[in-house]
Amino acid sequence: MKRLLALMLLVAAPALPNFPALAAPSDPTRYAACIEMAGKDPARAMQLAYAWRIEGGGVASRHCLAVAQMHARHHDAALKSYEAAGQASEDARDGRAIVLWRQAADAAMIADMPAEAVRFLGRALAKPGGLELSPRAEADLLTTRAEAHVAVGKPDLAMADLTRATEIASDFFTPWLLKATLARRQGNLAVAEAALLKAAALAPESADVELEAGNIAAAKGDMPLARQAWEAAAADAPDTPAGQAAAAALGRMSATIPKDALGEKPLTKDALPATPR
């Protein structure tokens, strides 16, 4: 997941699916050059961004500085720069604030600072400056915040965000799958199964669904069904995180549970989590 988020930070003018695109900066050529430099020579890009900011580069210079600082792994400084860019965008009412707050949250997750991610996503969900969000985009923000809530040890808040996400964008696969995973971890297997059925209807051949089906079956003590689901995930997507987690679960099952005892007890107290992203 961190690699995916890191790649997102390399894009000069990111337009996340269903999100409003960043408005063009006042000097798009300078902005593009600064962002490109951030990936190749972050120290030089920081110098350029600092100078541009002093010259009145506004949101674009602050955003470039944040990206360069992330590439340089100056995480604390990068988060401050992202926050400054988001605030400047809100003040200017330039239409870029939501995407910048989302990027700030992604950066916070990369930096292992999920509490900051929760705060930044709250700013995005507040729809600053009267900005609009499609139901799918709002659900995406809620799902990301749910992951951050889990990381800071607040599963009830995470469940509330996932429930809201599934209510406003019922055709969005990820929150259904994560809701199933979280409900299973909380011991609410009825909710977990219901959410997983929704996820399976949206992506019936998903290895992530098969993995979580095995996890839920194991939590219920139905080891034959768990084995069947994990074998399907491992066979369908062997090179993915879901397939690899399923293969690991099968290995642990073979090592710890005699074949003639399958179905008598769950594999572990906490089955392996799904990894949909």
C-alpha atoms as a PDB file:
ATOM      1  CA  MET A   1       0.000   0.000   0.000  1.00  0.00           C
ATOM      2  CA  LYS A   2       2.760   2.430   0.844  1.00  0.00           C
ATOM      3  CA  ARG A   3       4.344   1.874  -2.572  1.00  0.00           C
ATOM      4  CA  LEU A   4       1.027   2.702  -4.242  1.00  0.00           C
ATOM      5  CA  LEU A   5       0.647   5.869  -2.188  1.00  0.00           C
ATOM      6  CA  ALA A   6       4.226   6.873  -2.922  1.00  0.00           C
ATOM      7  CA  LEU A   7       3.617   6.549  -6.655  1.00  0.00           C
ATOM      8  CA  MET A   8       0.562   8.780  -6.358  1.00  0.00           C
ATOM      9  CA  LEU A   9       2.743  11.534  -4.944  1.00  0.00           C
ATOM     10  CA  LEU A  10       4.871  11.599  -8.102  1.00  0.00           C
ATOM     11  CA  VAL A  11       2.095  12.899 -10.321  1.00  0.00           C
ATOM     12  CA  ALA A  12       2.307  16.579 -11.115  1.00  0.00           C
ATOM     13  CA  ALA A  13      -1.418  17.311 -11.131  1.00  0.00           C
ATOM     14  CA  PRO A  14      -3.117  14.245  -9.670  1.00  0.00           C
ATOM     15  CA  ALA A  15      -6.779  13.708 -10.467  1.00  0.00           C
ATOM     16  CA  LEU A  16      -8.007  10.849  -8.297  1.00  0.00           C
ATOM     17  CA  PRO A  17     -11.003   8.916  -9.652  1.00  0.00           C
ATOM     18  CA  ASN A  18     -14.255  10.779  -9.001  1.00  0.00           C
ATOM     19  CA  PHE A  19     -12.366  13.694  -7.425  1.00  0.00           C
ATOM     20  CA  PRO A  20     -12.236  17.240  -8.799  1.00  0.00           C
ATOM     21  CA  ALA A  21      -9.019  17.776 -10.726  1.00  0.00           C
ATOM     22  CA  LEU A  22      -6.453  20.250  -9.505  1.00  0.00           C
ATOM     23  CA  ALA A  23      -6.903  23.629 -11.132  1.00  0.00           C
ATOM     24  CA  ALA A  24      -4.024  24.745 -13.301  1.00  0.00           C
ATOM     25  CA  PRO A  25      -1.341  26.664 -11.366  1.00  0.00           C
ATOM     26  CA  SER A  26      -0.531  30.221 -12.368  1.00  0.00           C
ATOM     27  CA  ASP A  27       2.773  29.047 -13.891  1.00  0.00           C
ATOM     28  CA  PRO A  28       2.151  25.486 -15.152  1.00  0.00           C
ATOM     29  CA  THR A  29       5.546  25.184 -16.841  1.00  0.00           C
ATOM     30  CA  ARG A  30       7.429  26.057 -13.666  1.00  0.00           C
ATOM     31  CA  TYR A  31       5.168  23.803 -11.642  1.00  0.00           C
ATOM     32  CA  ALA A  32       5.717  20.820 -13.943  1.00  0.00           C
ATOM     33  CA  ALA A  33       9.481  21.368 -13.890  1.00  0.00           C
ATOM     34  CA  CYS A  34       9.517  21.597 -10.104  1.00  0.00           C
ATOM     35  CA  ILE A  35       7.499  18.396  -9.667  1.00  0.00           C
ATOM     36  CA  GLU A  36       9.725  16.557 -12.144  1.00  0.00           C
ATOM     37  CA  MET A  37      12.801  17.759 -10.270  1.00  0.00           C
ATOM     38  CA  ALA A  38      11.278  16.549  -6.989  1.00  0.00           C
ATOM     39  CA  GLY A  39      11.506  12.971  -8.207  1.00  0.00           C
ATOM     40  CA  LYS A  40      15.013  13.260  -9.641  1.00  0.00           C
ATOM     41  CA  ASP A  41      16.753  15.601  -7.216  1.00  0.00           C
ATOM     42  CA  PRO A  42      14.572  16.396  -4.206  1.00  0.00           C
ATOM     43  CA  ALA A  43      17.210  18.606  -2.569  1.00  0.00           C
ATOM     44  CA  ARG A  44      17.378  20.815  -5.657  1.00  0.00           C
ATOM     45  CA  ALA A  45      13.589  20.808  -5.970  1.00  0.00           C
ATOM     46  CA  MET A  46      13.274  22.004  -2.383  1.00  0.00           C
ATOM     47  CA  GLN A  47      15.581  24.912  -3.158  1.00  0.00           C
ATOM     48  CA  LEU A  48      13.519  25.798  -6.232  1.00  0.00           C
ATOM     49  CA  ALA A  49      10.255  25.515  -4.319  1.00  0.00           C
ATOM     50  CA  TYR A  50      11.501  27.662  -1.424  1.00  0.00           C
ATOM     51  CA  ALA A  51      12.627  30.383  -3.853  1.00  0.00           C
ATOM     52  CA  TRP A  52       9.358  30.196  -5.773  1.00  0.00           C
ATOM     53  CA  ARG A  53       7.332  30.422  -2.577  1.00  0.00           C
ATOM     54  CA  ILE A  54       9.191  33.596  -1.573  1.00  0.00           C
ATOM     55  CA  GLU A  55       8.412  35.017  -5.000  1.00  0.00           C
ATOM     56  CA  GLY A  56       4.714  34.413  -4.426  1.00  0.00           C
ATOM     57  CA  GLY A  57       4.323  30.935  -5.941  1.00  0.00           C
ATOM     58  CA  GLY A  58       1.290  30.282  -3.776  1.00  0.00           C
ATOM     59  CA  VAL A  59      -0.315  26.855  -3.603  1.00  0.00           C
ATOM     60  CA  ALA A  60       1.739  25.378  -6.441  1.00  0.00           C
ATOM     61  CA  SER A  61       5.094  26.169  -4.811  1.00  0.00           C
ATOM     62  CA  ARG A  62       3.946  24.778  -1.463  1.00  0.00           C
ATOM     63  CA  HIS A  63       2.688  21.609  -3.120  1.00  0.00           C
ATOM     64  CA  CYS A  64       5.961  21.093  -4.970  1.00  0.00           C
ATOM     65  CA  LEU A  65       7.875  21.647  -1.739  1.00  0.00           C
ATOM     66  CA  ALA A  66       5.752  19.009  -0.008  1.00  0.00           C
ATOM     67  CA  VAL A  67       6.334  16.478  -2.795  1.00  0.00           C
ATOM     68  CA  ALA A  68      10.084  17.128  -2.764  1.00  0.00           C
ATOM     69  CA  GLN A  69      10.223  16.757   1.012  1.00  0.00           C
ATOM     70  CA  MET A  70       8.382  13.436   0.791  1.00  0.00           C
ATOM     71  CA  HIS A  71      10.897  12.187  -1.777  1.00  0.00           C
ATOM     72  CA  ALA A  72      13.680  13.276   0.562  1.00  0.00           C
ATOM     73  CA  ARG A  73      11.913  11.455   3.414  1.00  0.00           C
ATOM     74  CA  HIS A  74      11.601  14.652   5.418  1.00  0.00           C
ATOM     75  CA  HIS A  75       8.188  13.481   6.537  1.00  0.00           C
ATOM     76  CA  ASP A  76       7.473  15.959   9.328  1.00  0.00           C
ATOM     77  CA  ALA A  77       8.386  18.891   7.104  1.00  0.00           C
ATOM     78  CA  ALA A  78       6.398  17.446   4.200  1.00  0.00           C
ATOM     79  CA  LEU A  79       3.238  17.174   6.266  1.00  0.00           C
ATOM     80  CA  LYS A  80       3.605  20.794   7.354  1.00  0.00           C
ATOM     81  CA  SER A  81       4.026  21.823   3.725  1.00  0.00           C
ATOM     82  CA  TYR A  82       1.010  19.803   2.632  1.00  0.00           C
ATOM     83  CA  GLU A  83      -1.044  21.409   5.375  1.00  0.00           C
ATOM     84  CA  ALA A  84       0.165  24.850   4.306  1.00  0.00           C
ATOM     85  CA  ALA A  85      -0.775  24.059   0.700  1.00  0.00           C
ATOM     86  CA  GLY A  86      -4.217  22.820   1.710  1.00  0.00           C
ATOM     87  CA  GLN A  87      -4.864  25.860   3.881  1.00  0.00           C
ATOM     88  CA  ALA A  88      -3.631  28.219   1.162  1.00  0.00           C
ATOM     89  CA  SER A  89      -5.930  26.519  -1.332  1.00  0.00           C
ATOM     90  CA  GLU A  90      -8.896  26.903   1.013  1.00  0.00           C
ATOM     91  CA  ASP A  91      -8.076  30.566   1.533  1.00  0.00           C
ATOM     92  CA  ALA A  92      -7.756  31.152  -2.204  1.00  0.00           C
ATOM     93  CA  ARG A  93     -10.898  29.109  -2.940  1.00  0.00           C
ATOM     94  CA  ASP A  94      -9.120  27.757  -5.997  1.00  0.00           C
ATOM     95  CA  GLY A  95     -10.857  24.369  -6.060  1.00  0.00           C
ATOM     96  CA  ARG A  96      -7.772  22.343  -5.167  1.00  0.00           C
ATOM     97  CA  ALA A  97      -8.202  21.882  -1.428  1.00  0.00           C
ATOM     98  CA  ILE A  98      -9.900  18.474  -1.344  1.00  0.00           C
ATOM     99  CA  VAL A  99      -7.288  16.776  -3.510  1.00  0.00           C
ATOM    100  CA  LEU A 100      -4.476  18.420  -1.535  1.00  0.00           C
ATOM    101  CA  TRP A 101      -5.949  17.281   1.791  1.00  0.00           C
ATOM    102  CA  ARG A 102      -6.278  13.766   0.387  1.00  0.00           C
ATOM    103  CA  GLN A 103      -2.638  13.837  -0.705  1.00  0.00           C
ATOM    104  CA  ALA A 104      -1.655  15.113   2.721  1.00  0.00           C
ATOM    105  CA  ALA A 105      -3.457  12.144   4.256  1.00  0.00           C
ATOM    106  CA  ASP A 106      -1.703   9.713   1.920  1.00  0.00           C
ATOM    107  CA  ALA A 107       1.628  11.254   2.882  1.00  0.00           C
ATOM    108  CA  ALA A 108       0.749  10.922   6.567  1.00  0.00           C
ATOM    109  CA  MET A 109       0.008   7.216   6.116  1.00  0.00           C
ATOM    110  CA  ILE A 110       3.331   6.713   4.343  1.00  0.00           C
ATOM    111  CA  ALA A 111       5.001   8.478   7.271  1.00  0.00           C
ATOM    112  CA  ASP A 112       3.207   6.185   9.760  1.00  0.00           C
ATOM    113  CA  MET A 113       1.302   9.124  11.217  1.00  0.00           C
ATOM    114  CA  PRO A 114      -2.307   7.921  10.891  1.00  0.00           C
ATOM    115  CA  ALA A 115      -3.678  10.425  13.401  1.00  0.00           C
ATOM    116  CA  GLU A 116      -2.566  13.195  11.050  1.00  0.00           C
ATOM    117  CA  ALA A 117      -4.194  11.338   8.166  1.00  0.00           C
ATOM    118  CA  VAL A 118      -7.479  11.291  10.085  1.00  0.00           C
ATOM    119  CA  ARG A 119      -7.218  15.030  10.634  1.00  0.00           C
ATOM    120  CA  PHE A 120      -6.423  15.806   7.000  1.00  0.00           C
ATOM    121  CA  LEU A 121      -9.251  13.605   5.733  1.00  0.00           C
ATOM    122  CA  GLY A 122     -11.614  15.417   8.061  1.00  0.00           C
ATOM    123  CA  ARG A 123     -10.623  18.642   6.338  1.00  0.00           C
ATOM    124  CA  ALA A 124     -11.349  17.093   2.928  1.00  0.00           C
ATOM    125  CA  LEU A 125     -14.695  15.666   4.031  1.00  0.00           C
ATOM    126  CA  ALA A 126     -15.740  19.104   5.303  1.00  0.00           C
ATOM    127  CA  LYS A 127     -15.921  20.162   1.617  1.00  0.00           C
ATOM    128  CA  PRO A 128     -13.986  23.409   2.108  1.00  0.00           C
ATOM    129  CA  GLY A 129     -15.070  26.461   0.217  1.00  0.00           C
ATOM    130  CA  GLY A 130     -18.323  24.847  -0.810  1.00  0.00           C
ATOM    131  CA  LEU A 131     -16.584  22.263  -2.985  1.00  0.00           C
ATOM    132  CA  GLU A 132     -18.718  19.333  -4.057  1.00  0.00           C
ATOM    133  CA  LEU A 133     -17.926  15.638  -3.816  1.00  0.00           C
ATOM    134  CA  SER A 134     -19.568  12.828  -5.730  1.00  0.00           C
ATOM    135  CA  PRO A 135     -20.903   9.998  -3.543  1.00  0.00           C
ATOM    136  CA  ARG A 136     -18.103   7.761  -4.827  1.00  0.00           C
ATOM    137  CA  ALA A 137     -15.430  10.327  -3.985  1.00  0.00           C
ATOM    138  CA  GLU A 138     -16.863  10.899  -0.505  1.00  0.00           C
ATOM    139  CA  ALA A 139     -16.990   7.147   0.062  1.00  0.00           C
ATOM    140  CA  ASP A 140     -13.361   6.890  -0.998  1.00  0.00           C
ATOM    141  CA  LEU A 141     -12.359   9.496   1.583  1.00  0.00           C
ATOM    142  CA  LEU A 142     -14.411   7.750   4.269  1.00  0.00           C
ATOM    143  CA  THR A 143     -12.832   4.395   3.428  1.00  0.00           C
ATOM    144  CA  THR A 144      -9.345   5.845   3.633  1.00  0.00           C
ATOM    145  CA  ARG A 145     -10.173   7.503   6.945  1.00  0.00           C
ATOM    146  CA  ALA A 146     -11.503   4.181   8.229  1.00  0.00           C
ATOM    147  CA  GLU A 147      -8.119   2.605   7.534  1.00  0.00           C
ATOM    148  CA  ALA A 148      -6.447   5.444   9.429  1.00  0.00           C
ATOM    149  CA  HIS A 149      -8.884   5.019  12.338  1.00  0.00           C
ATOM    150  CA  VAL A 150      -7.947   1.349  12.547  1.00  0.00           C
ATOM    151  CA  ALA A 151      -4.271   2.294  12.585  1.00  0.00           C
ATOM    152  CA  VAL A 152      -4.806   4.575  15.601  1.00  0.00           C
ATOM    153  CA  GLY A 153      -6.852   1.954  17.444  1.00  0.00           C
ATOM    154  CA  LYS A 154     -10.362   3.334  16.934  1.00  0.00           C
ATOM    155  CA  PRO A 155     -12.248   0.503  15.220  1.00  0.00           C
ATOM    156  CA  ASP A 156     -15.692   1.832  16.147  1.00  0.00           C
ATOM    157  CA  LEU A 157     -15.012   5.080  14.295  1.00  0.00           C
ATOM    158  CA  ALA A 158     -13.652   3.053  11.397  1.00  0.00           C
ATOM    159  CA  MET A 159     -16.836   0.978  11.268  1.00  0.00           C
ATOM    160  CA  ALA A 160     -18.951   4.123  11.276  1.00  0.00           C
ATOM    161  CA  ASP A 161     -17.005   5.485   8.287  1.00  0.00           C
ATOM    162  CA  LEU A 162     -17.253   2.191   6.389  1.00  0.00           C
ATOM    163  CA  THR A 163     -20.976   1.925   7.064  1.00  0.00           C
ATOM    164  CA  ARG A 164     -21.486   5.460   5.783  1.00  0.00           C
ATOM    165  CA  ALA A 165     -19.356   4.709   2.709  1.00  0.00           C
ATOM    166  CA  THR A 166     -21.457   1.665   1.833  1.00  0.00           C
ATOM    167  CA  GLU A 167     -24.643   3.676   2.305  1.00  0.00           C
ATOM    168  CA  ILE A 168     -23.717   6.473  -0.074  1.00  0.00           C
ATOM    169  CA  ALA A 169     -21.864   4.355  -2.673  1.00  0.00           C
ATOM    170  CA  SER A 170     -23.313   0.867  -2.478  1.00  0.00           C
ATOM    171  CA  ASP A 171     -21.544  -0.212  -5.670  1.00  0.00           C
ATOM    172  CA  PHE A 172     -18.088   0.572  -4.232  1.00  0.00           C
ATOM    173  CA  PHE A 173     -16.333  -2.736  -3.548  1.00  0.00           C
ATOM    174  CA  THR A 174     -13.590  -1.735  -1.109  1.00  0.00           C
ATOM    175  CA  PRO A 175     -15.654  -0.478   1.856  1.00  0.00           C
ATOM    176  CA  TRP A 176     -17.789  -3.627   1.767  1.00  0.00           C
ATOM    177  CA  LEU A 177     -14.682  -5.809   1.910  1.00  0.00           C
ATOM    178  CA  LEU A 178     -13.054  -3.751   4.649  1.00  0.00           C
ATOM    179  CA  LYS A 179     -16.308  -3.751   6.613  1.00  0.00           C
ATOM    180  CA  ALA A 180     -16.342  -7.543   6.441  1.00  0.00           C
ATOM    181  CA  THR A 181     -12.746  -7.707   7.647  1.00  0.00           C
ATOM    182  CA  LEU A 182     -13.283  -5.257  10.489  1.00  0.00           C
ATOM    183  CA  ALA A 183     -16.532  -6.874  11.638  1.00  0.00           C
ATOM    184  CA  ARG A 184     -14.823 -10.267  11.693  1.00  0.00           C
ATOM    185  CA  ARG A 185     -11.982  -8.862  13.785  1.00  0.00           C
ATOM    186  CA  GLN A 186     -14.556  -7.428  16.185  1.00  0.00           C
ATOM    187  CA  GLY A 187     -16.219 -10.823  16.468  1.00  0.00           C
ATOM    188  CA  ASN A 188     -19.407  -9.764  14.687  1.00  0.00           C
ATOM    189  CA  LEU A 189     -19.509 -12.605  12.179  1.00  0.00           C
ATOM    190  CA  ALA A 190     -23.099 -11.976  11.064  1.00  0.00           C
ATOM    191  CA  VAL A 191     -22.201  -8.460   9.935  1.00  0.00           C
ATOM    192  CA  ALA A 192     -18.960  -9.753   8.431  1.00  0.00           C
ATOM    193  CA  GLU A 193     -20.760 -12.348   6.331  1.00  0.00           C
ATOM    194  CA  ALA A 194     -23.412  -9.900   5.162  1.00  0.00           C
ATOM    195  CA  ALA A 195     -20.777  -7.362   4.078  1.00  0.00           C
ATOM    196  CA  LEU A 196     -18.736 -10.049   2.355  1.00  0.00           C
ATOM    197  CA  LEU A 197     -21.759 -11.164   0.364  1.00  0.00           C
ATOM    198  CA  LYS A 198     -22.120  -7.585  -0.901  1.00  0.00           C
ATOM    199  CA  ALA A 199     -18.430  -7.475  -1.828  1.00  0.00           C
ATOM    200  CA  ALA A 200     -18.688 -10.844  -3.574  1.00  0.00           C
ATOM    201  CA  ALA A 201     -21.663  -9.645  -5.620  1.00  0.00           C
ATOM    202  CA  LEU A 202     -19.551  -6.717  -6.860  1.00  0.00           C
ATOM    203  CA  ALA A 203     -16.407  -8.757  -7.534  1.00  0.00           C
ATOM    204  CA  PRO A 204     -17.297 -12.457  -7.583  1.00  0.00           C
ATOM    205  CA  GLU A 205     -13.863 -13.597  -8.769  1.00  0.00           C
ATOM    206  CA  SER A 206     -11.847 -11.472  -6.352  1.00  0.00           C
ATOM    207  CA  ALA A 207      -9.064 -13.259  -4.487  1.00  0.00           C
ATOM    208  CA  ASP A 208      -9.529 -10.726  -1.685  1.00  0.00           C
ATOM    209  CA  VAL A 209     -13.109 -11.925  -1.267  1.00  0.00           C
ATOM    210  CA  GLU A 210     -11.967 -15.556  -1.281  1.00  0.00           C
ATOM    211  CA  LEU A 211      -9.305 -14.783   1.312  1.00  0.00           C
ATOM    212  CA  GLU A 212     -11.753 -13.052   3.607  1.00  0.00           C
ATOM    213  CA  ALA A 213     -14.305 -15.835   3.108  1.00  0.00           C
ATOM    214  CA  GLY A 214     -11.674 -18.226   4.408  1.00  0.00           C
ATOM    215  CA  ASN A 215     -10.878 -15.930   7.309  1.00  0.00           C
ATOM    216  CA  ILE A 216     -14.533 -15.740   8.328  1.00  0.00           C
ATOM    217  CA  ALA A 217     -14.971 -19.500   7.970  1.00  0.00           C
ATOM    218  CA  ALA A 218     -11.919 -20.045  10.166  1.00  0.00           C
ATOM    219  CA  ALA A 219     -13.270 -17.645  12.767  1.00  0.00           C
ATOM    220  CA  LYS A 220     -16.478 -19.727  12.805  1.00  0.00           C
ATOM    221  CA  GLY A 221     -14.487 -22.950  13.162  1.00  0.00           C
ATOM    222  CA  ASP A 222     -15.452 -24.270   9.715  1.00  0.00           C
ATOM    223  CA  MET A 223     -11.990 -25.344   8.616  1.00  0.00           C
ATOM    224  CA  PRO A 224     -13.016 -27.347   5.527  1.00  0.00           C
ATOM    225  CA  LEU A 225     -14.728 -24.247   4.131  1.00  0.00           C
ATOM    226  CA  ALA A 226     -11.745 -22.096   5.140  1.00  0.00           C
ATOM    227  CA  ARG A 227      -9.392 -24.437   3.286  1.00  0.00           C
ATOM    228  CA  GLN A 228     -11.577 -24.353   0.182  1.00  0.00           C
ATOM    229  CA  ALA A 229     -11.715 -20.549   0.143  1.00  0.00           C
ATOM    230  CA  TRP A 230      -7.994 -20.109   0.797  1.00  0.00           C
ATOM    231  CA  GLU A 231      -7.101 -22.654  -1.881  1.00  0.00           C
ATOM    232  CA  ALA A 232      -9.215 -20.692  -4.359  1.00  0.00           C
ATOM    233  CA  ALA A 233      -7.508 -17.406  -3.457  1.00  0.00           C
ATOM    234  CA  ALA A 234      -4.035 -18.940  -3.635  1.00  0.00           C
ATOM    235  CA  ALA A 235      -4.773 -20.525  -7.016  1.00  0.00           C
ATOM    236  CA  ASP A 236      -6.548 -17.536  -8.569  1.00  0.00           C
ATOM    237  CA  ALA A 237      -4.005 -14.858  -7.615  1.00  0.00           C
ATOM    238  CA  PRO A 238      -0.757 -16.454  -6.419  1.00  0.00           C
ATOM    239  CA  ASP A 239       1.348 -13.320  -6.921  1.00  0.00           C
ATOM    240  CA  THR A 240      -0.954 -10.922  -5.084  1.00  0.00           C
ATOM    241  CA  PRO A 241      -1.020 -10.085  -1.361  1.00  0.00           C
ATOM    242  CA  ALA A 242      -4.362 -11.883  -1.047  1.00  0.00           C
ATOM    243  CA  GLY A 243      -3.085 -15.023  -2.737  1.00  0.00           C
ATOM    244  CA  GLN A 244       0.087 -15.022  -0.682  1.00  0.00           C
ATOM    245  CA  ALA A 245      -1.834 -14.525   2.571  1.00  0.00           C
ATOM    246  CA  ALA A 246      -4.114 -17.424   1.631  1.00  0.00           C
ATOM    247  CA  ALA A 247      -1.114 -19.644   0.859  1.00  0.00           C
ATOM    248  CA  ALA A 248       0.408 -18.712   4.219  1.00  0.00           C
ATOM    249  CA  ALA A 249      -2.833 -19.609   5.965  1.00  0.00           C
ATOM    250  CA  LEU A 250      -2.912 -22.968   4.208  1.00  0.00           C
ATOM    251  CA  GLY A 251       0.669 -23.600   5.270  1.00  0.00           C
ATOM    252  CA  ARG A 252      -0.152 -22.831   8.870  1.00  0.00           C
ATOM    253  CA  MET A 253      -3.227 -25.025   8.679  1.00  0.00           C
ATOM    254  CA  SER A 254      -1.211 -27.973   7.401  1.00  0.00           C
ATOM    255  CA  ALA A 255       1.413 -27.467  10.093  1.00  0.00           C
ATOM    256  CA  THR A 256      -0.935 -27.091  13.039  1.00  0.00           C
ATOM    257  CA  ILE A 257      -4.133 -29.001  12.319  1.00  0.00           C
ATOM    258  CA  PRO A 258      -4.291 -32.715  11.430  1.00  0.00           C
ATOM    259  CA  LYS A 259      -6.412 -33.363   8.356  1.00  0.00           C
ATOM    260  CA  ASP A 260      -8.799 -35.557  10.315  1.00  0.00           C
ATOM    261  CA  ALA A 261      -9.354 -32.737  12.810  1.00  0.00           C
ATOM    262  CA  LEU A 262     -10.393 -30.126  10.280  1.00  0.00           C
ATOM    263  CA  GLY A 263     -13.551 -28.394  11.375  1.00  0.00           C
ATOM    264  CA  GLU A 264     -12.950 -28.879  15.088  1.00  0.00           C
ATOM    265  CA  LYS A 265     -11.263 -25.577  15.854  1.00  0.00           C
ATOM    266  CA  PRO A 266     -10.298 -22.305  14.160  1.00  0.00           C
ATOM    267  CA  LEU A 267      -6.840 -21.872  12.704  1.00  0.00           C
ATOM    268  CA  THR A 268      -5.984 -18.880  14.848  1.00  0.00           C
ATOM    269  CA  LYS A 269      -7.643 -16.563  17.290  1.00  0.00           C
ATOM    270  CA  ASP A 270      -7.385 -13.758  14.720  1.00  0.00           C
ATOM    271  CA  ALA A 271      -7.536 -14.903  11.114  1.00  0.00           C
ATOM    272  CA  LEU A 272      -5.379 -13.178   8.541  1.00  0.00           C
ATOM    273  CA  PRO A 273      -6.757  -9.833   7.320  1.00  0.00           C
ATOM    274  CA  ALA A 274      -7.773  -9.154   3.781  1.00  0.00           C
ATOM    275  CA  THR A 275      -5.495  -6.836   1.806  1.00  0.00           C
ATOM    276  CA  PRO A 276      -7.661  -5.216  -0.870  1.00  0.00           C
ATOM    277  CA  ARG A 277      -5.243  -2.395  -1.742  1.00  0.00           C
END
